[in-house]
C-alpha atoms as a PDB file:
ATOM      1  CA  MET A   1      -3.430 -13.268  21.913  1.00  0.00           C
ATOM      2  CA  LYS A   2      -3.550 -10.423  19.746  1.00  0.00           C
ATOM      3  CA  LYS A   3      -5.383 -11.642  16.401  1.00  0.00           C
ATOM      4  CA  ILE A   4      -2.861 -10.640  13.325  1.00  0.00           C
ATOM      5  CA  VAL A   5      -5.117  -9.276   9.991  1.00  0.00           C
ATOM      6  CA  GLY A   6      -3.411  -9.492   6.797  1.00  0.00           C
ATOM      7  CA  ILE A   7      -4.244  -7.891   3.319  1.00  0.00           C
ATOM      8  CA  PRO A   8      -5.571  -9.829   1.264  1.00  0.00           C
ATOM      9  CA  GLY A   9      -4.352 -10.081  -1.956  1.00  0.00           C
ATOM     10  CA  ALA A  10      -0.941  -8.630  -0.526  1.00  0.00           C
ATOM     11  CA  LEU A  11       0.803  -9.738  -3.743  1.00  0.00           C
ATOM     12  CA  PHE A  12       0.906  -7.393  -5.489  1.00  0.00           C
ATOM     13  CA  VAL A  13       4.220  -8.109  -6.191  1.00  0.00           C
ATOM     14  CA  LEU A  14       2.340  -9.907  -9.258  1.00  0.00           C
ATOM     15  CA  LEU A  15       2.105  -6.555 -10.575  1.00  0.00           C
ATOM     16  CA  ALA A  16       5.364  -5.767 -12.039  1.00  0.00           C
ATOM     17  CA  PHE A  17       4.638  -9.714 -13.890  1.00  0.00           C
ATOM     18  CA  CYS A  18       1.159  -9.077 -15.297  1.00  0.00           C
ATOM     19  CA  THR A  19       2.289  -9.072 -18.505  1.00  0.00           C
ATOM     20  CA  PRO A  20      -1.421  -8.514 -21.336  1.00  0.00           C
ATOM     21  CA  ALA A  21       1.179 -11.854 -22.862  1.00  0.00           C
ATOM     22  CA  ALA A  22       0.854 -12.889 -19.512  1.00  0.00           C
ATOM     23  CA  ARG A  23      -3.031 -12.289 -18.666  1.00  0.00           C
ATOM     24  CA  ALA A  24      -4.050 -13.607 -21.838  1.00  0.00           C
ATOM     25  CA  GLN A  25      -2.813 -16.932 -20.263  1.00  0.00           C
ATOM     26  CA  GLY A  26      -4.166 -16.981 -16.887  1.00  0.00           C
ATOM     27  CA  PRO A  27      -5.402 -14.459 -13.890  1.00  0.00           C
ATOM     28  CA  HIS A  28      -4.345 -10.966 -13.106  1.00  0.00           C
ATOM     29  CA  PHE A  29      -4.372  -8.574 -10.422  1.00  0.00           C
ATOM     30  CA  ASN A  30      -7.803  -6.111  -9.989  1.00  0.00           C
ATOM     31  CA  HIS A  31      -7.518  -5.669  -6.994  1.00  0.00           C
ATOM     32  CA  THR A  32      -7.046  -5.781  -3.127  1.00  0.00           C
ATOM     33  CA  THR A  33      -9.193  -4.799   0.141  1.00  0.00           C
ATOM     34  CA  VAL A  34      -8.434  -2.320   3.488  1.00  0.00           C
ATOM     35  CA  TYR A  35     -10.936  -2.609   5.500  1.00  0.00           C
ATOM     36  CA  VAL A  36     -10.778   0.630   7.912  1.00  0.00           C
ATOM     37  CA  THR A  37     -12.136   1.690  11.681  1.00  0.00           C
ATOM     38  CA  ASP A  38     -11.893   5.974   9.704  1.00  0.00           C
ATOM     39  CA  LEU A  39     -13.039   6.119   5.517  1.00  0.00           C
ATOM     40  CA  GLN A  40     -12.517   9.418   5.487  1.00  0.00           C
ATOM     41  CA  LYS A  41      -8.995   9.471   7.579  1.00  0.00           C
ATOM     42  CA  SER A  42      -7.619   6.184   5.814  1.00  0.00           C
ATOM     43  CA  ALA A  43      -9.165   8.133   2.357  1.00  0.00           C
ATOM     44  CA  ASP A  44      -7.256  10.709   3.052  1.00  0.00           C
ATOM     45  CA  PHE A  45      -4.206   8.845   4.171  1.00  0.00           C
ATOM     46  CA  TYR A  46      -4.380   6.961   0.282  1.00  0.00           C
ATOM     47  CA  GLU A  47      -4.701   9.808  -1.306  1.00  0.00           C
ATOM     48  CA  LYS A  48      -2.535  12.500   0.490  1.00  0.00           C
ATOM     49  CA  VAL A  49       0.932  10.618   1.556  1.00  0.00           C
ATOM     50  CA  MET A  50       0.774   7.584  -0.722  1.00  0.00           C
ATOM     51  CA  ARG A  51      -1.029  10.213  -4.102  1.00  0.00           C
ATOM     52  CA  LEU A  52      -3.147   7.658  -5.455  1.00  0.00           C
ATOM     53  CA  LYS A  53      -5.735   9.692  -7.581  1.00  0.00           C
ATOM     54  CA  LYS A  54      -9.111   8.843  -6.643  1.00  0.00           C
ATOM     55  CA  ILE A  55     -11.539   6.701  -9.205  1.00  0.00           C
ATOM     56  CA  PRO A  56     -15.360   6.230  -8.711  1.00  0.00           C
ATOM     57  CA  GLU A  57     -16.951   3.510  -7.369  1.00  0.00           C
ATOM     58  CA  PRO A  58     -20.011   2.557  -7.728  1.00  0.00           C
ATOM     59  CA  PHE A  59     -21.509   1.380  -4.483  1.00  0.00           C
ATOM     60  CA  HIS A  60     -22.031   5.247  -3.702  1.00  0.00           C
ATOM     61  CA  ASP A  61     -22.768   3.819   0.252  1.00  0.00           C
ATOM     62  CA  GLY A  62     -20.143   6.463   1.412  1.00  0.00           C
ATOM     63  CA  LYS A  63     -18.931   3.198   2.709  1.00  0.00           C
ATOM     64  CA  HIS A  64     -16.230   2.793  -0.555  1.00  0.00           C
ATOM     65  CA  VAL A  65     -13.433   4.570  -1.181  1.00  0.00           C
ATOM     66  CA  TRP A  66     -11.204   3.587  -4.573  1.00  0.00           C
ATOM     67  CA  PHE A  67      -7.953   3.696  -5.538  1.00  0.00           C
ATOM     68  CA  ASP A  68      -6.032   3.653  -8.909  1.00  0.00           C
ATOM     69  CA  MET A  69      -2.530   1.818  -8.253  1.00  0.00           C
ATOM     70  CA  GLY A  70      -1.658   1.764 -11.785  1.00  0.00           C
ATOM     71  CA  ASN A  71      -1.864  -1.211 -14.254  1.00  0.00           C
ATOM     72  CA  HIS A  72      -5.404  -1.465 -13.951  1.00  0.00           C
ATOM     73  CA  GLY A  73      -4.813  -2.538  -9.834  1.00  0.00           C
ATOM     74  CA  GLN A  74      -7.110  -1.222  -7.567  1.00  0.00           C
ATOM     75  CA  LEU A  75      -6.632  -0.200  -4.109  1.00  0.00           C
ATOM     76  CA  HIS A  76     -10.301  -0.279  -1.735  1.00  0.00           C
ATOM     77  CA  VAL A  77     -10.758   1.648   1.191  1.00  0.00           C
ATOM     78  CA  VAL A  78     -13.650  -0.065   2.818  1.00  0.00           C
ATOM     79  CA  LEU A  79     -15.749   1.236   6.126  1.00  0.00           C
ATOM     80  CA  GLY A  80     -16.364  -1.353   8.840  1.00  0.00           C
ATOM     81  CA  ALA A  81     -13.637  -2.552  10.951  1.00  0.00           C
ATOM     82  CA  LYS A  82     -14.636  -1.915  14.028  1.00  0.00           C
ATOM     83  CA  GLU A  83     -10.813  -1.940  15.977  1.00  0.00           C
ATOM     84  CA  ILE A  84      -7.591  -2.056  14.771  1.00  0.00           C
ATOM     85  CA  VAL A  85      -5.577  -4.486  15.342  1.00  0.00           C
ATOM     86  CA  PRO A  86      -1.823  -5.819  14.918  1.00  0.00           C
ATOM     87  CA  HIS A  87      -0.459  -6.202  11.547  1.00  0.00           C
ATOM     88  CA  ASP A  88       2.840  -8.436  10.622  1.00  0.00           C
ATOM     89  CA  ILE A  89       5.366  -6.519   8.303  1.00  0.00           C
ATOM     90  CA  ASN A  90       5.430 -10.363   6.123  1.00  0.00           C
ATOM     91  CA  ILE A  91       2.281  -8.823   4.867  1.00  0.00           C
ATOM     92  CA  HIS A  92       2.920  -5.632   3.554  1.00  0.00           C
ATOM     93  CA  LEU A  93       1.549  -3.465   0.012  1.00  0.00           C
ATOM     94  CA  ALA A  94       4.893  -2.634  -1.745  1.00  0.00           C
ATOM     95  CA  PHE A  95       4.236   0.200  -4.359  1.00  0.00           C
ATOM     96  CA  SER A  96       7.671   1.711  -6.780  1.00  0.00           C
ATOM     97  CA  VAL A  97       8.364   5.135  -7.060  1.00  0.00           C
ATOM     98  CA  HIS A  98      10.509   6.894  -8.948  1.00  0.00           C
ATOM     99  CA  PRO A  99      12.558   9.323  -7.492  1.00  0.00           C
ATOM    100  CA  TYR A 100      12.607   8.241  -4.444  1.00  0.00           C
ATOM    101  CA  GLU A 101      14.501  10.345  -2.243  1.00  0.00           C
ATOM    102  CA  PRO A 102      11.692  13.448  -3.392  1.00  0.00           C
ATOM    103  CA  PHE A 103       9.328  10.738  -2.038  1.00  0.00           C
ATOM    104  CA  LEU A 104      11.064  10.679   1.195  1.00  0.00           C
ATOM    105  CA  LYS A 105      11.476  13.869   1.733  1.00  0.00           C
ATOM    106  CA  HIS A 106       7.576  13.578   0.491  1.00  0.00           C
ATOM    107  CA  LEU A 107       6.645  11.290   3.626  1.00  0.00           C
ATOM    108  CA  ASP A 108       8.869  13.267   6.807  1.00  0.00           C
ATOM    109  CA  GLY A 109       6.340  16.394   4.878  1.00  0.00           C
ATOM    110  CA  MET A 110       3.576  15.178   6.169  1.00  0.00           C
ATOM    111  CA  GLY A 111       4.828  13.296   9.328  1.00  0.00           C
ATOM    112  CA  ILE A 112       4.983   9.817   8.740  1.00  0.00           C
ATOM    113  CA  LYS A 113       7.405   7.958  10.523  1.00  0.00           C
ATOM    114  CA  TYR A 114       8.738   5.194   8.465  1.00  0.00           C
ATOM    115  CA  GLY A 115      12.441   2.340   8.214  1.00  0.00           C
ATOM    116  CA  ASN A 116      14.106  -0.427   7.376  1.00  0.00           C
ATOM    117  CA  TRP A 117      12.488  -3.064   8.506  1.00  0.00           C
ATOM    118  CA  ALA A 118      13.406  -3.985  11.864  1.00  0.00           C
ATOM    119  CA  GLN A 119      12.503  -0.557  12.297  1.00  0.00           C
ATOM    120  CA  ASN A 120      14.978   0.713  13.866  1.00  0.00           C
ATOM    121  CA  SER A 121      16.772   3.105  11.585  1.00  0.00           C
ATOM    122  CA  GLN A 122      15.156   5.530   9.215  1.00  0.00           C
ATOM    123  CA  THR A 123      17.757   4.911   6.841  1.00  0.00           C
ATOM    124  CA  PRO A 124      16.589   2.669   4.061  1.00  0.00           C
ATOM    125  CA  GLN A 125      16.592  -1.479   3.499  1.00  0.00           C
ATOM    126  CA  VAL A 126      18.589  -2.350   1.132  1.00  0.00           C
ATOM    127  CA  ARG A 127      17.305  -5.313  -0.790  1.00  0.00           C
ATOM    128  CA  PRO A 128      20.924  -8.025  -2.561  1.00  0.00           C
ATOM    129  CA  ASP A 129      19.606  -6.474  -5.827  1.00  0.00           C
ATOM    130  CA  GLY A 130      20.451  -2.739  -4.339  1.00  0.00           C
ATOM    131  CA  ILE A 131      16.695  -1.897  -4.083  1.00  0.00           C
ATOM    132  CA  LYS A 132      15.773   0.853  -1.756  1.00  0.00           C
ATOM    133  CA  GLN A 133      12.898  -0.447   0.883  1.00  0.00           C
ATOM    134  CA  VAL A 134      11.534   1.910   3.944  1.00  0.00           C
ATOM    135  CA  TYR A 135       7.923   0.578   5.534  1.00  0.00           C
ATOM    136  CA  PHE A 136       5.351   2.431   7.483  1.00  0.00           C
ATOM    137  CA  GLN A 137       1.531   1.588   8.638  1.00  0.00           C
ATOM    138  CA  ASP A 138      -1.959   2.832   7.315  1.00  0.00           C
ATOM    139  CA  PRO A 139      -3.605   4.382   9.742  1.00  0.00           C
ATOM    140  CA  ASP A 140      -5.531   1.195  10.137  1.00  0.00           C
ATOM    141  CA  GLY A 141      -1.644   0.099  10.514  1.00  0.00           C
ATOM    142  CA  TYR A 142      -1.353  -1.861   7.764  1.00  0.00           C
ATOM    143  CA  TRP A 143       2.155  -1.534   6.613  1.00  0.00           C
ATOM    144  CA  LEU A 144       3.146  -0.779   2.873  1.00  0.00           C
ATOM    145  CA  GLU A 145       6.574  -0.944   1.314  1.00  0.00           C
ATOM    146  CA  VAL A 146       7.919   2.075  -0.722  1.00  0.00           C
ATOM    147  CA  ASP A 147      10.645   0.795  -2.489  1.00  0.00           C
ATOM    148  CA  ASP A 148      13.129   2.975  -5.753  1.00  0.00           C
ATOM    149  CA  ASP A 149      12.950  -0.265  -7.636  1.00  0.00           C
ATOM    150  CA  ASN A 150      11.997   1.605 -11.267  1.00  0.00           C
ATOM    151  CA  PHE A 151      11.502  -1.883 -13.681  1.00  0.00           C
END
């Protein structure tokens, strides 16, 4: 039986609800981590494909690359996974982009295979509220969602 691993802190969606007033009342999102087999390959993916900005990390040990995800949220990419293991699409990191269609063309230009939830069509999934979504995986198989929610 294959082990299925998820992204710790994948409740990134909560960022939308973490207003300054909400942070004063309780916890707020800080970061999530992906544990990877090839730090350079994964860092390149998040910088070039996802267009995240690198930020300083305190370790300076060649095993960490940190990225800004907005609203004071961070993605920590950490070297050390021994192998790539299957990940379930139900556990994913979600990003909103605007404008949406140019980002999909960017994914096409980068050779990134993406699709709807079932992964049987490149046509975006459309939620009941009209938000378009596509799903794809990073180099270690972690699932990502990119949607056009322009909250």
